[in-house]
Amino acid sequence: MSDFPTSARVVIIGGGVVGVSTLYHLAKKGWTDCVLLEKNELTAGSTWHAAGNCPSFSTSWAVMNMQRYSLSLYKRLAAEVDYPMNYHVTGSIRLAHSKERMQELCARARWAIIRA
């Protein structure tokens, strides 16, 4: 533990998917003076509970773009970091509980196709 830095340009608190992703993207940009702090194991908290939950549909254009980027990254990540890992696309289903919700889902699906 004597090699633990006492200062850093960036300190990321939390080793879930957001913290790890932030550190990964900073490193890709060439940032080296960064520290990630995690009280337990990496991705052991809520990230672990959501493993495999990779949606590609949202009612928000910004969220949908982040999802698309993430899914694209997951497909190529093993090659980028030269570490064996698997990513399997499994899909999902959305259920509408009312006529209004069905109309919303249909509108967003059309919207997503137009902007894809």
PDB file of N, CA and C in Angstrom:
ATOM      1  N   MET A   1       0.806  -1.179   0.000  1.00  0.00           N
ATOM      2  CA  MET A   1       0.000   0.000   0.000  1.00  0.00           C
ATOM      3  C   MET A   1       0.863   1.263   0.000  1.00  0.00           C
ATOM      4  N   SER A   2       2.147   1.132   0.123  1.00  0.00           N
ATOM      5  CA  SER A   2       3.010   2.309   0.143  1.00  0.00           C
ATOM      6  C   SER A   2       3.056   3.014  -1.214  1.00  0.00           C
ATOM      7  N   ASP A   3       2.671   2.334  -2.288  1.00  0.00           N
ATOM      8  CA  ASP A   3       2.659   2.937  -3.615  1.00  0.00           C
ATOM      9  C   ASP A   3       1.374   3.710  -3.888  1.00  0.00           C
ATOM     10  N   PHE A   4       0.478   3.746  -2.931  1.00  0.00           N
ATOM     11  CA  PHE A   4      -0.797   4.433  -3.124  1.00  0.00           C
ATOM     12  C   PHE A   4      -0.536   5.934  -3.247  1.00  0.00           C
ATOM     13  N   PRO A   5      -1.061   6.568  -4.303  1.00  0.00           N
ATOM     14  CA  PRO A   5      -0.782   7.993  -4.507  1.00  0.00           C
ATOM     15  C   PRO A   5      -1.435   8.875  -3.434  1.00  0.00           C
ATOM     16  N   THR A   6      -0.801   9.970  -3.159  1.00  0.00           N
ATOM     17  CA  THR A   6      -1.352  10.924  -2.194  1.00  0.00           C
ATOM     18  C   THR A   6      -2.039  12.090  -2.889  1.00  0.00           C
ATOM     19  N   SER A   7      -1.909  12.169  -4.202  1.00  0.00           N
ATOM     20  CA  SER A   7      -2.608  13.176  -4.989  1.00  0.00           C
ATOM     21  C   SER A   7      -2.854  12.621  -6.383  1.00  0.00           C
ATOM     22  N   ALA A   8      -3.836  13.196  -7.060  1.00  0.00           N
ATOM     23  CA  ALA A   8      -4.155  12.756  -8.411  1.00  0.00           C
ATOM     24  C   ALA A   8      -4.896  13.866  -9.140  1.00  0.00           C
ATOM     25  N   ARG A   9      -4.789  13.872 -10.437  1.00  0.00           N
ATOM     26  CA  ARG A   9      -5.534  14.830 -11.256  1.00  0.00           C
ATOM     27  C   ARG A   9      -7.030  14.559 -11.157  1.00  0.00           C
ATOM     28  N   VAL A  10      -7.375  13.270 -11.133  1.00  0.00           N
ATOM     29  CA  VAL A  10      -8.773  12.841 -11.038  1.00  0.00           C
ATOM     30  C   VAL A  10      -8.872  11.726 -10.018  1.00  0.00           C
ATOM     31  N   VAL A  11      -9.863  11.811  -9.136  1.00  0.00           N
ATOM     32  CA  VAL A  11     -10.182  10.724  -8.209  1.00  0.00           C
ATOM     33  C   VAL A  11     -11.610  10.303  -8.493  1.00  0.00           C
ATOM     34  N   ILE A  12     -11.772   9.053  -8.877  1.00  0.00           N
ATOM     35  CA  ILE A  12     -13.087   8.500  -9.171  1.00  0.00           C
ATOM     36  C   ILE A  12     -13.497   7.654  -7.982  1.00  0.00           C
ATOM     37  N   ILE A  13     -14.663   7.918  -7.445  1.00  0.00           N
ATOM     38  CA  ILE A  13     -15.140   7.179  -6.283  1.00  0.00           C
ATOM     39  C   ILE A  13     -16.225   6.220  -6.748  1.00  0.00           C
ATOM     40  N   GLY A  14     -15.956   4.949  -6.622  1.00  0.00           N
ATOM     41  CA  GLY A  14     -16.903   3.910  -7.007  1.00  0.00           C
ATOM     42  C   GLY A  14     -16.427   3.137  -8.214  1.00  0.00           C
ATOM     43  N   GLY A  15     -16.315   1.832  -8.053  1.00  0.00           N
ATOM     44  CA  GLY A  15     -15.819   0.960  -9.114  1.00  0.00           C
ATOM     45  C   GLY A  15     -16.912   0.188  -9.809  1.00  0.00           C
ATOM     46  N   GLY A  16     -18.074   0.810  -9.943  1.00  0.00           N
ATOM     47  CA  GLY A  16     -19.131   0.196 -10.730  1.00  0.00           C
ATOM     48  C   GLY A  16     -18.925   0.497 -12.202  1.00  0.00           C
ATOM     49  N   VAL A  17     -19.931   0.235 -12.995  1.00  0.00           N
ATOM     50  CA  VAL A  17     -19.793   0.414 -14.433  1.00  0.00           C
ATOM     51  C   VAL A  17     -19.486   1.870 -14.791  1.00  0.00           C
ATOM     52  N   VAL A  18     -20.055   2.827 -14.085  1.00  0.00           N
ATOM     53  CA  VAL A  18     -19.808   4.238 -14.415  1.00  0.00           C
ATOM     54  C   VAL A  18     -18.379   4.633 -14.043  1.00  0.00           C
ATOM     55  N   GLY A  19     -17.936   4.265 -12.846  1.00  0.00           N
ATOM     56  CA  GLY A  19     -16.581   4.608 -12.426  1.00  0.00           C
ATOM     57  C   GLY A  19     -15.520   3.945 -13.282  1.00  0.00           C
ATOM     58  N   VAL A  20     -15.674   2.665 -13.542  1.00  0.00           N
ATOM     59  CA  VAL A  20     -14.706   1.929 -14.356  1.00  0.00           C
ATOM     60  C   VAL A  20     -14.700   2.480 -15.788  1.00  0.00           C
ATOM     61  N   SER A  21     -15.883   2.766 -16.316  1.00  0.00           N
ATOM     62  CA  SER A  21     -15.972   3.319 -17.660  1.00  0.00           C
ATOM     63  C   SER A  21     -15.314   4.691 -17.739  1.00  0.00           C
ATOM     64  N   THR A  22     -15.513   5.503 -16.718  1.00  0.00           N
ATOM     65  CA  THR A  22     -14.894   6.826 -16.698  1.00  0.00           C
ATOM     66  C   THR A  22     -13.376   6.703 -16.723  1.00  0.00           C
ATOM     67  N   LEU A  23     -12.829   5.826 -15.886  1.00  0.00           N
ATOM     68  CA  LEU A  23     -11.384   5.626 -15.848  1.00  0.00           C
ATOM     69  C   LEU A  23     -10.877   5.082 -17.182  1.00  0.00           C
ATOM     70  N   TYR A  24     -11.589   4.135 -17.763  1.00  0.00           N
ATOM     71  CA  TYR A  24     -11.214   3.556 -19.063  1.00  0.00           C
ATOM     72  C   TYR A  24     -11.127   4.646 -20.137  1.00  0.00           C
ATOM     73  N   HIS A  25     -12.145   5.499 -20.197  1.00  0.00           N
ATOM     74  CA  HIS A  25     -12.164   6.533 -21.233  1.00  0.00           C
ATOM     75  C   HIS A  25     -11.115   7.620 -20.989  1.00  0.00           C
ATOM     76  N   LEU A  26     -10.849   7.949 -19.739  1.00  0.00           N
ATOM     77  CA  LEU A  26      -9.761   8.886 -19.451  1.00  0.00           C
ATOM     78  C   LEU A  26      -8.417   8.292 -19.874  1.00  0.00           C
ATOM     79  N   ALA A  27      -8.204   7.021 -19.574  1.00  0.00           N
ATOM     80  CA  ALA A  27      -6.956   6.355 -19.966  1.00  0.00           C
ATOM     81  C   ALA A  27      -6.806   6.330 -21.488  1.00  0.00           C
ATOM     82  N   LYS A  28      -7.890   6.087 -22.196  1.00  0.00           N
ATOM     83  CA  LYS A  28      -7.843   6.105 -23.664  1.00  0.00           C
ATOM     84  C   LYS A  28      -7.459   7.483 -24.197  1.00  0.00           C
ATOM     85  N   LYS A  29      -7.805   8.523 -23.446  1.00  0.00           N
ATOM     86  CA  LYS A  29      -7.447   9.891 -23.845  1.00  0.00           C
ATOM     87  C   LYS A  29      -6.024  10.257 -23.411  1.00  0.00           C
ATOM     88  N   GLY A  30      -5.339   9.328 -22.736  1.00  0.00           N
ATOM     89  CA  GLY A  30      -3.960   9.564 -22.339  1.00  0.00           C
ATOM     90  C   GLY A  30      -3.761  10.078 -20.925  1.00  0.00           C
ATOM     91  N   TRP A  31      -4.835  10.176 -20.149  1.00  0.00           N
ATOM     92  CA  TRP A  31      -4.707  10.645 -18.768  1.00  0.00           C
ATOM     93  C   TRP A  31      -4.072   9.537 -17.928  1.00  0.00           C
ATOM     94  N   THR A  32      -3.049   9.887 -17.181  1.00  0.00           N
ATOM     95  CA  THR A  32      -2.358   8.876 -16.369  1.00  0.00           C
ATOM     96  C   THR A  32      -2.429   9.147 -14.873  1.00  0.00           C
ATOM     97  N   ASP A  33      -2.712  10.348 -14.488  1.00  0.00           N
ATOM     98  CA  ASP A  33      -2.716  10.712 -13.066  1.00  0.00           C
ATOM     99  C   ASP A  33      -4.132  10.595 -12.499  1.00  0.00           C
ATOM    100  N   CYS A  34      -4.678   9.364 -12.545  1.00  0.00           N
ATOM    101  CA  CYS A  34      -6.059   9.108 -12.125  1.00  0.00           C
ATOM    102  C   CYS A  34      -6.085   7.957 -11.131  1.00  0.00           C
ATOM    103  N   VAL A  35      -7.001   8.052 -10.173  1.00  0.00           N
ATOM    104  CA  VAL A  35      -7.152   7.012  -9.155  1.00  0.00           C
ATOM    105  C   VAL A  35      -8.625   6.641  -9.061  1.00  0.00           C
ATOM    106  N   LEU A  36      -8.898   5.358  -8.970  1.00  0.00           N
ATOM    107  CA  LEU A  36     -10.262   4.886  -8.741  1.00  0.00           C
ATOM    108  C   LEU A  36     -10.311   4.256  -7.354  1.00  0.00           C
ATOM    109  N   LEU A  37     -11.229   4.718  -6.526  1.00  0.00           N
ATOM    110  CA  LEU A  37     -11.385   4.185  -5.173  1.00  0.00           C
ATOM    111  C   LEU A  37     -12.654   3.340  -5.104  1.00  0.00           C
ATOM    112  N   GLU A  38     -12.531   2.156  -4.561  1.00  0.00           N
ATOM    113  CA  GLU A  38     -13.674   1.255  -4.390  1.00  0.00           C
ATOM    114  C   GLU A  38     -13.537   0.577  -3.044  1.00  0.00           C
ATOM    115  N   LYS A  39     -14.601   0.542  -2.273  1.00  0.00           N
ATOM    116  CA  LYS A  39     -14.535  -0.035  -0.925  1.00  0.00           C
ATOM    117  C   LYS A  39     -14.554  -1.560  -0.934  1.00  0.00           C
ATOM    118  N   ASN A  40     -14.983  -2.157  -2.026  1.00  0.00           N
ATOM    119  CA  ASN A  40     -15.108  -3.616  -2.092  1.00  0.00           C
ATOM    120  C   ASN A  40     -14.444  -4.096  -3.374  1.00  0.00           C
ATOM    121  N   GLU A  41     -15.103  -4.949  -4.112  1.00  0.00           N
ATOM    122  CA  GLU A  41     -14.585  -5.427  -5.390  1.00  0.00           C
ATOM    123  C   GLU A  41     -15.149  -4.578  -6.523  1.00  0.00           C
ATOM    124  N   LEU A  42     -14.399  -4.486  -7.606  1.00  0.00           N
ATOM    125  CA  LEU A  42     -14.907  -3.773  -8.778  1.00  0.00           C
ATOM    126  C   LEU A  42     -16.181  -4.440  -9.271  1.00  0.00           C
ATOM    127  N   THR A  43     -17.132  -3.643  -9.628  1.00  0.00           N
ATOM    128  CA  THR A  43     -18.430  -4.054 -10.199  1.00  0.00           C
ATOM    129  C   THR A  43     -19.205  -5.033  -9.319  1.00  0.00           C
ATOM    130  N   ALA A  44     -18.951  -5.042  -8.016  1.00  0.00           N
ATOM    131  CA  ALA A  44     -19.618  -5.986  -7.126  1.00  0.00           C
ATOM    132  C   ALA A  44     -20.936  -5.472  -6.565  1.00  0.00           C
ATOM    133  N   GLY A  45     -21.229  -4.197  -6.737  1.00  0.00           N
ATOM    134  CA  GLY A  45     -22.456  -3.626  -6.170  1.00  0.00           C
ATOM    135  C   GLY A  45     -23.617  -3.731  -7.126  1.00  0.00           C
ATOM    136  N   SER A  46     -24.266  -2.623  -7.387  1.00  0.00           N
ATOM    137  CA  SER A  46     -25.447  -2.644  -8.255  1.00  0.00           C
ATOM    138  C   SER A  46     -25.100  -3.011  -9.689  1.00  0.00           C
ATOM    139  N   THR A  47     -23.858  -2.757 -10.123  1.00  0.00           N
ATOM    140  CA  THR A  47     -23.440  -3.172 -11.470  1.00  0.00           C
ATOM    141  C   THR A  47     -23.554  -4.679 -11.612  1.00  0.00           C
ATOM    142  N   TRP A  48     -23.125  -5.413 -10.596  1.00  0.00           N
ATOM    143  CA  TRP A  48     -23.192  -6.873 -10.646  1.00  0.00           C
ATOM    144  C   TRP A  48     -24.640  -7.342 -10.729  1.00  0.00           C
ATOM    145  N   HIS A  49     -25.516  -6.704  -9.988  1.00  0.00           N
ATOM    146  CA  HIS A  49     -26.922  -7.102  -9.980  1.00  0.00           C
ATOM    147  C   HIS A  49     -27.591  -6.880 -11.331  1.00  0.00           C
ATOM    148  N   ALA A  50     -27.067  -5.964 -12.114  1.00  0.00           N
ATOM    149  CA  ALA A  50     -27.655  -5.661 -13.420  1.00  0.00           C
ATOM    150  C   ALA A  50     -26.893  -6.322 -14.568  1.00  0.00           C
ATOM    151  N   ALA A  51     -25.984  -7.229 -14.254  1.00  0.00           N
ATOM    152  CA  ALA A  51     -25.184  -7.860 -15.307  1.00  0.00           C
ATOM    153  C   ALA A  51     -26.084  -8.477 -16.369  1.00  0.00           C
ATOM    154  N   GLY A  52     -25.771  -8.196 -17.608  1.00  0.00           N
ATOM    155  CA  GLY A  52     -26.559  -8.717 -18.712  1.00  0.00           C
ATOM    156  C   GLY A  52     -27.720  -7.827 -19.104  1.00  0.00           C
ATOM    157  N   ASN A  53     -27.996  -6.812 -18.304  1.00  0.00           N
ATOM    158  CA  ASN A  53     -29.092  -5.898 -18.623  1.00  0.00           C
ATOM    159  C   ASN A  53     -28.530  -4.761 -19.471  1.00  0.00           C
ATOM    160  N   CYS A  54     -28.535  -4.957 -20.775  1.00  0.00           N
ATOM    161  CA  CYS A  54     -27.972  -3.975 -21.696  1.00  0.00           C
ATOM    162  C   CYS A  54     -29.059  -3.506 -22.644  1.00  0.00           C
ATOM    163  N   PRO A  55     -29.895  -2.585 -22.214  1.00  0.00           N
ATOM    164  CA  PRO A  55     -31.001  -2.143 -23.066  1.00  0.00           C
ATOM    165  C   PRO A  55     -30.505  -1.329 -24.258  1.00  0.00           C
ATOM    166  N   SER A  56     -31.290  -1.324 -25.302  1.00  0.00           N
ATOM    167  CA  SER A  56     -30.952  -0.533 -26.488  1.00  0.00           C
ATOM    168  C   SER A  56     -32.129   0.346 -26.909  1.00  0.00           C
ATOM    169  N   PHE A  57     -33.093   0.498 -26.034  1.00  0.00           N
ATOM    170  CA  PHE A  57     -34.275   1.293 -26.338  1.00  0.00           C
ATOM    171  C   PHE A  57     -34.613   2.151 -25.137  1.00  0.00           C
ATOM    172  N   SER A  58     -34.899   3.409 -25.397  1.00  0.00           N
ATOM    173  CA  SER A  58     -35.251   4.332 -24.325  1.00  0.00           C
ATOM    174  C   SER A  58     -36.196   5.381 -24.883  1.00  0.00           C
ATOM    175  N   THR A  59     -36.905   6.062 -24.021  1.00  0.00           N
ATOM    176  CA  THR A  59     -37.744   7.167 -24.462  1.00  0.00           C
ATOM    177  C   THR A  59     -36.953   8.470 -24.517  1.00  0.00           C
ATOM    178  N   SER A  60     -35.659   8.416 -24.212  1.00  0.00           N
ATOM    179  CA  SER A  60     -34.792   9.587 -24.266  1.00  0.00           C
ATOM    180  C   SER A  60     -33.739   9.388 -25.356  1.00  0.00           C
ATOM    181  N   TRP A  61     -33.636  10.357 -26.261  1.00  0.00           N
ATOM    182  CA  TRP A  61     -32.650  10.265 -27.347  1.00  0.00           C
ATOM    183  C   TRP A  61     -31.229  10.224 -26.783  1.00  0.00           C
ATOM    184  N   ALA A  62     -30.922  11.026 -25.772  1.00  0.00           N
ATOM    185  CA  ALA A  62     -29.585  11.044 -25.184  1.00  0.00           C
ATOM    186  C   ALA A  62     -29.241   9.698 -24.551  1.00  0.00           C
ATOM    187  N   VAL A  63     -30.168   9.137 -23.804  1.00  0.00           N
ATOM    188  CA  VAL A  63     -29.936   7.833 -23.172  1.00  0.00           C
ATOM    189  C   VAL A  63     -29.765   6.754 -24.240  1.00  0.00           C
ATOM    190  N   MET A  64     -30.588   6.819 -25.290  1.00  0.00           N
ATOM    191  CA  MET A  64     -30.482   5.829 -26.359  1.00  0.00           C
ATOM    192  C   MET A  64     -29.107   5.901 -27.038  1.00  0.00           C
ATOM    193  N   ASN A  65     -28.583   7.102 -27.218  1.00  0.00           N
ATOM    194  CA  ASN A  65     -27.245   7.233 -27.804  1.00  0.00           C
ATOM    195  C   ASN A  65     -26.172   6.649 -26.900  1.00  0.00           C
ATOM    196  N   MET A  66     -26.286   6.865 -25.584  1.00  0.00           N
ATOM    197  CA  MET A  66     -25.331   6.262 -24.650  1.00  0.00           C
ATOM    198  C   MET A  66     -25.435   4.739 -24.695  1.00  0.00           C
ATOM    199  N   GLN A  67     -26.645   4.222 -24.788  1.00  0.00           N
ATOM    200  CA  GLN A  67     -26.833   2.777 -24.867  1.00  0.00           C
ATOM    201  C   GLN A  67     -26.200   2.217 -26.140  1.00  0.00           C
ATOM    202  N   ARG A  68     -26.408   2.883 -27.249  1.00  0.00           N
ATOM    203  CA  ARG A  68     -25.811   2.430 -28.513  1.00  0.00           C
ATOM    204  C   ARG A  68     -24.290   2.421 -28.433  1.00  0.00           C
ATOM    205  N   TYR A  69     -23.730   3.488 -27.882  1.00  0.00           N
ATOM    206  CA  TYR A  69     -22.282   3.550 -27.740  1.00  0.00           C
ATOM    207  C   TYR A  69     -21.783   2.406 -26.850  1.00  0.00           C
ATOM    208  N   SER A  70     -22.455   2.197 -25.730  1.00  0.00           N
ATOM    209  CA  SER A  70     -22.043   1.150 -24.794  1.00  0.00           C
ATOM    210  C   SER A  70     -22.101  -0.225 -25.438  1.00  0.00           C
ATOM    211  N   LEU A  71     -23.174  -0.523 -26.140  1.00  0.00           N
ATOM    212  CA  LEU A  71     -23.300  -1.827 -26.786  1.00  0.00           C
ATOM    213  C   LEU A  71     -22.203  -2.024 -27.824  1.00  0.00           C
ATOM    214  N   SER A  72     -21.879  -0.980 -28.547  1.00  0.00           N
ATOM    215  CA  SER A  72     -20.794  -1.053 -29.528  1.00  0.00           C
ATOM    216  C   SER A  72     -19.455  -1.303 -28.831  1.00  0.00           C
ATOM    217  N   LEU A  73     -19.221  -0.618 -27.706  1.00  0.00           N
ATOM    218  CA  LEU A  73     -17.987  -0.798 -26.945  1.00  0.00           C
ATOM    219  C   LEU A  73     -17.884  -2.221 -26.404  1.00  0.00           C
ATOM    220  N   TYR A  74     -18.962  -2.752 -25.853  1.00  0.00           N
ATOM    221  CA  TYR A  74     -18.924  -4.100 -25.285  1.00  0.00           C
ATOM    222  C   TYR A  74     -18.539  -5.130 -26.335  1.00  0.00           C
ATOM    223  N   LYS A  75     -18.981  -4.931 -27.561  1.00  0.00           N
ATOM    224  CA  LYS A  75     -18.678  -5.881 -28.641  1.00  0.00           C
ATOM    225  C   LYS A  75     -17.196  -5.899 -28.986  1.00  0.00           C
ATOM    226  N   ARG A  76     -16.517  -4.765 -28.853  1.00  0.00           N
ATOM    227  CA  ARG A  76     -15.106  -4.689 -29.254  1.00  0.00           C
ATOM    228  C   ARG A  76     -14.129  -4.609 -28.080  1.00  0.00           C
ATOM    229  N   LEU A  77     -14.631  -4.571 -26.860  1.00  0.00           N
ATOM    230  CA  LEU A  77     -13.786  -4.319 -25.694  1.00  0.00           C
ATOM    231  C   LEU A  77     -12.693  -5.369 -25.503  1.00  0.00           C
ATOM    232  N   ALA A  78     -13.017  -6.638 -25.659  1.00  0.00           N
ATOM    233  CA  ALA A  78     -12.013  -7.691 -25.460  1.00  0.00           C
ATOM    234  C   ALA A  78     -10.806  -7.480 -26.369  1.00  0.00           C
ATOM    235  N   ALA A  79     -11.051  -7.121 -27.614  1.00  0.00           N
ATOM    236  CA  ALA A  79      -9.953  -6.876 -28.553  1.00  0.00           C
ATOM    237  C   ALA A  79      -9.172  -5.624 -28.176  1.00  0.00           C
ATOM    238  N   GLU A  80      -9.874  -4.591 -27.726  1.00  0.00           N
ATOM    239  CA  GLU A  80      -9.207  -3.337 -27.376  1.00  0.00           C
ATOM    240  C   GLU A  80      -8.267  -3.478 -26.195  1.00  0.00           C
ATOM    241  N   VAL A  81      -8.650  -4.262 -25.200  1.00  0.00           N
ATOM    242  CA  VAL A  81      -7.821  -4.389 -23.996  1.00  0.00           C
ATOM    243  C   VAL A  81      -7.017  -5.679 -23.986  1.00  0.00           C
ATOM    244  N   ASP A  82      -7.159  -6.473 -25.050  1.00  0.00           N
ATOM    245  CA  ASP A  82      -6.439  -7.749 -25.178  1.00  0.00           C
ATOM    246  C   ASP A  82      -6.625  -8.624 -23.937  1.00  0.00           C
ATOM    247  N   TYR A  83      -7.890  -8.790 -23.568  1.00  0.00           N
ATOM    248  CA  TYR A  83      -8.239  -9.623 -22.418  1.00  0.00           C
ATOM    249  C   TYR A  83      -9.484 -10.424 -22.790  1.00  0.00           C
ATOM    250  N   PRO A  84      -9.438 -11.740 -22.573  1.00  0.00           N
ATOM    251  CA  PRO A  84     -10.580 -12.557 -23.006  1.00  0.00           C
ATOM    252  C   PRO A  84     -11.833 -12.314 -22.166  1.00  0.00           C
ATOM    253  N   MET A  85     -12.882 -11.884 -22.821  1.00  0.00           N
ATOM    254  CA  MET A  85     -14.178 -11.745 -22.166  1.00  0.00           C
ATOM    255  C   MET A  85     -15.248 -11.970 -23.221  1.00  0.00           C
ATOM    256  N   ASN A  86     -16.391 -12.363 -22.771  1.00  0.00           N
ATOM    257  CA  ASN A  86     -17.490 -12.653 -23.685  1.00  0.00           C
ATOM    258  C   ASN A  86     -18.610 -11.645 -23.520  1.00  0.00           C
ATOM    259  N   TYR A  87     -19.234 -11.339 -24.620  1.00  0.00           N
ATOM    260  CA  TYR A  87     -20.411 -10.481 -24.607  1.00  0.00           C
ATOM    261  C   TYR A  87     -21.428 -11.120 -25.537  1.00  0.00           C
ATOM    262  N   HIS A  88     -22.576 -11.454 -25.004  1.00  0.00           N
ATOM    263  CA  HIS A  88     -23.629 -12.100 -25.780  1.00  0.00           C
ATOM    264  C   HIS A  88     -24.865 -11.211 -25.780  1.00  0.00           C
ATOM    265  N   VAL A  89     -25.355 -10.891 -26.962  1.00  0.00           N
ATOM    266  CA  VAL A  89     -26.568 -10.092 -27.075  1.00  0.00           C
ATOM    267  C   VAL A  89     -27.759 -11.020 -26.874  1.00  0.00           C
ATOM    268  N   THR A  90     -28.602 -10.687 -25.905  1.00  0.00           N
ATOM    269  CA  THR A  90     -29.735 -11.560 -25.594  1.00  0.00           C
ATOM    270  C   THR A  90     -31.085 -10.948 -25.913  1.00  0.00           C
ATOM    271  N   GLY A  91     -31.146  -9.637 -26.050  1.00  0.00           N
ATOM    272  CA  GLY A  91     -32.418  -8.989 -26.364  1.00  0.00           C
ATOM    273  C   GLY A  91     -33.269  -8.758 -25.125  1.00  0.00           C
ATOM    274  N   SER A  92     -34.431  -8.152 -25.363  1.00  0.00           N
ATOM    275  CA  SER A  92     -35.351  -7.870 -24.263  1.00  0.00           C
ATOM    276  C   SER A  92     -36.738  -7.640 -24.842  1.00  0.00           C
ATOM    277  N   ILE A  93     -37.681  -7.451 -23.969  1.00  0.00           N
ATOM    278  CA  ILE A  93     -39.059  -7.212 -24.399  1.00  0.00           C
ATOM    279  C   ILE A  93     -39.637  -6.070 -23.570  1.00  0.00           C
ATOM    280  N   ARG A  94     -40.420  -5.232 -24.212  1.00  0.00           N
ATOM    281  CA  ARG A  94     -41.104  -4.137 -23.515  1.00  0.00           C
ATOM    282  C   ARG A  94     -42.596  -4.428 -23.552  1.00  0.00           C
ATOM    283  N   LEU A  95     -43.256  -4.289 -22.431  1.00  0.00           N
ATOM    284  CA  LEU A  95     -44.693  -4.535 -22.358  1.00  0.00           C
ATOM    285  C   LEU A  95     -45.413  -3.229 -22.048  1.00  0.00           C
ATOM    286  N   ALA A  96     -46.489  -2.998 -22.762  1.00  0.00           N
ATOM    287  CA  ALA A  96     -47.312  -1.817 -22.514  1.00  0.00           C
ATOM    288  C   ALA A  96     -48.511  -2.242 -21.669  1.00  0.00           C
ATOM    289  N   HIS A  97     -48.747  -1.514 -20.602  1.00  0.00           N
ATOM    290  CA  HIS A  97     -49.849  -1.831 -19.690  1.00  0.00           C
ATOM    291  C   HIS A  97     -51.114  -1.032 -19.988  1.00  0.00           C
ATOM    292  N   SER A  98     -51.016  -0.158 -20.971  1.00  0.00           N
ATOM    293  CA  SER A  98     -52.187   0.640 -21.327  1.00  0.00           C
ATOM    294  C   SER A  98     -52.082   1.028 -22.801  1.00  0.00           C
ATOM    295  N   LYS A  99     -53.169   1.500 -23.352  1.00  0.00           N
ATOM    296  CA  LYS A  99     -53.186   1.952 -24.735  1.00  0.00           C
ATOM    297  C   LYS A  99     -52.222   3.132 -24.915  1.00  0.00           C
ATOM    298  N   GLU A 100     -52.202   4.037 -23.935  1.00  0.00           N
ATOM    299  CA  GLU A 100     -51.332   5.199 -24.009  1.00  0.00           C
ATOM    300  C   GLU A 100     -49.860   4.802 -24.006  1.00  0.00           C
ATOM    301  N   ARG A 101     -49.524   3.837 -23.163  1.00  0.00           N
ATOM    302  CA  ARG A 101     -48.131   3.368 -23.111  1.00  0.00           C
ATOM    303  C   ARG A 101     -47.755   2.687 -24.429  1.00  0.00           C
ATOM    304  N   MET A 102     -48.666   1.954 -25.015  1.00  0.00           N
ATOM    305  CA  MET A 102     -48.404   1.320 -26.302  1.00  0.00           C
ATOM    306  C   MET A 102     -48.158   2.373 -27.378  1.00  0.00           C
ATOM    307  N   GLN A 103     -48.948   3.427 -27.368  1.00  0.00           N
ATOM    308  CA  GLN A 103     -48.755   4.506 -28.327  1.00  0.00           C
ATOM    309  C   GLN A 103     -47.390   5.171 -28.139  1.00  0.00           C
ATOM    310  N   GLU A 104     -47.007   5.358 -26.885  1.00  0.00           N
ATOM    311  CA  GLU A 104     -45.702   5.953 -26.602  1.00  0.00           C
ATOM    312  C   GLU A 104     -44.572   5.063 -27.104  1.00  0.00           C
ATOM    313  N   LEU A 105     -44.650   3.769 -26.821  1.00  0.00           N
ATOM    314  CA  LEU A 105     -43.600   2.846 -27.266  1.00  0.00           C
ATOM    315  C   LEU A 105     -43.510   2.803 -28.792  1.00  0.00           C
ATOM    316  N   CYS A 106     -44.645   2.799 -29.461  1.00  0.00           N
ATOM    317  CA  CYS A 106     -44.646   2.793 -30.928  1.00  0.00           C
ATOM    318  C   CYS A 106     -44.036   4.082 -31.482  1.00  0.00           C
ATOM    319  N   ALA A 107     -44.384   5.199 -30.883  1.00  0.00           N
ATOM    320  CA  ALA A 107     -43.831   6.488 -31.330  1.00  0.00           C
ATOM    321  C   ALA A 107     -42.317   6.521 -31.132  1.00  0.00           C
ATOM    322  N   ARG A 108     -41.840   6.051 -29.995  1.00  0.00           N
ATOM    323  CA  ARG A 108     -40.397   6.041 -29.730  1.00  0.00           C
ATOM    324  C   ARG A 108     -39.671   5.054 -30.633  1.00  0.00           C
ATOM    325  N   ALA A 109     -40.280   3.946 -30.948  1.00  0.00           N
ATOM    326  CA  ALA A 109     -39.660   2.979 -31.859  1.00  0.00           C
ATOM    327  C   ALA A 109     -39.496   3.616 -33.254  1.00  0.00           C
ATOM    328  N   ARG A 110     -40.523   4.306 -33.731  1.00  0.00           N
ATOM    329  CA  ARG A 110     -40.410   4.998 -35.021  1.00  0.00           C
ATOM    330  C   ARG A 110     -39.324   6.071 -34.958  1.00  0.00           C
ATOM    331  N   TRP A 111     -39.300   6.801 -33.876  1.00  0.00           N
ATOM    332  CA  TRP A 111     -38.333   7.867 -33.645  1.00  0.00           C
ATOM    333  C   TRP A 111     -36.913   7.295 -33.652  1.00  0.00           C
ATOM    334  N   ALA A 112     -36.722   6.146 -33.002  1.00  0.00           N
ATOM    335  CA  ALA A 112     -35.390   5.530 -32.923  1.00  0.00           C
ATOM    336  C   ALA A 112     -34.934   5.059 -34.302  1.00  0.00           C
ATOM    337  N   ILE A 113     -35.833   4.522 -35.087  1.00  0.00           N
ATOM    338  CA  ILE A 113     -35.483   4.045 -36.422  1.00  0.00           C
ATOM    339  C   ILE A 113     -35.104   5.224 -37.320  1.00  0.00           C
ATOM    340  N   ILE A 114     -35.853   6.289 -37.242  1.00  0.00           N
ATOM    341  CA  ILE A 114     -35.585   7.474 -38.078  1.00  0.00           C
ATOM    342  C   ILE A 114     -34.229   8.063 -37.748  1.00  0.00           C
ATOM    343  N   ARG A 115     -33.854   8.094 -36.487  1.00  0.00           N
ATOM    344  CA  ARG A 115     -32.607   8.732 -36.069  1.00  0.00           C
ATOM    345  C   ARG A 115     -31.424   7.787 -35.971  1.00  0.00           C
ATOM    346  N   ALA A 116     -31.614   6.533 -36.281  1.00  0.00           N
ATOM    347  CA  ALA A 116     -30.522   5.554 -36.174  1.00  0.00           C
ATOM    348  C   ALA A 116     -29.455   5.795 -37.214  1.00  0.00           C
TER     349      ALA A 116
END
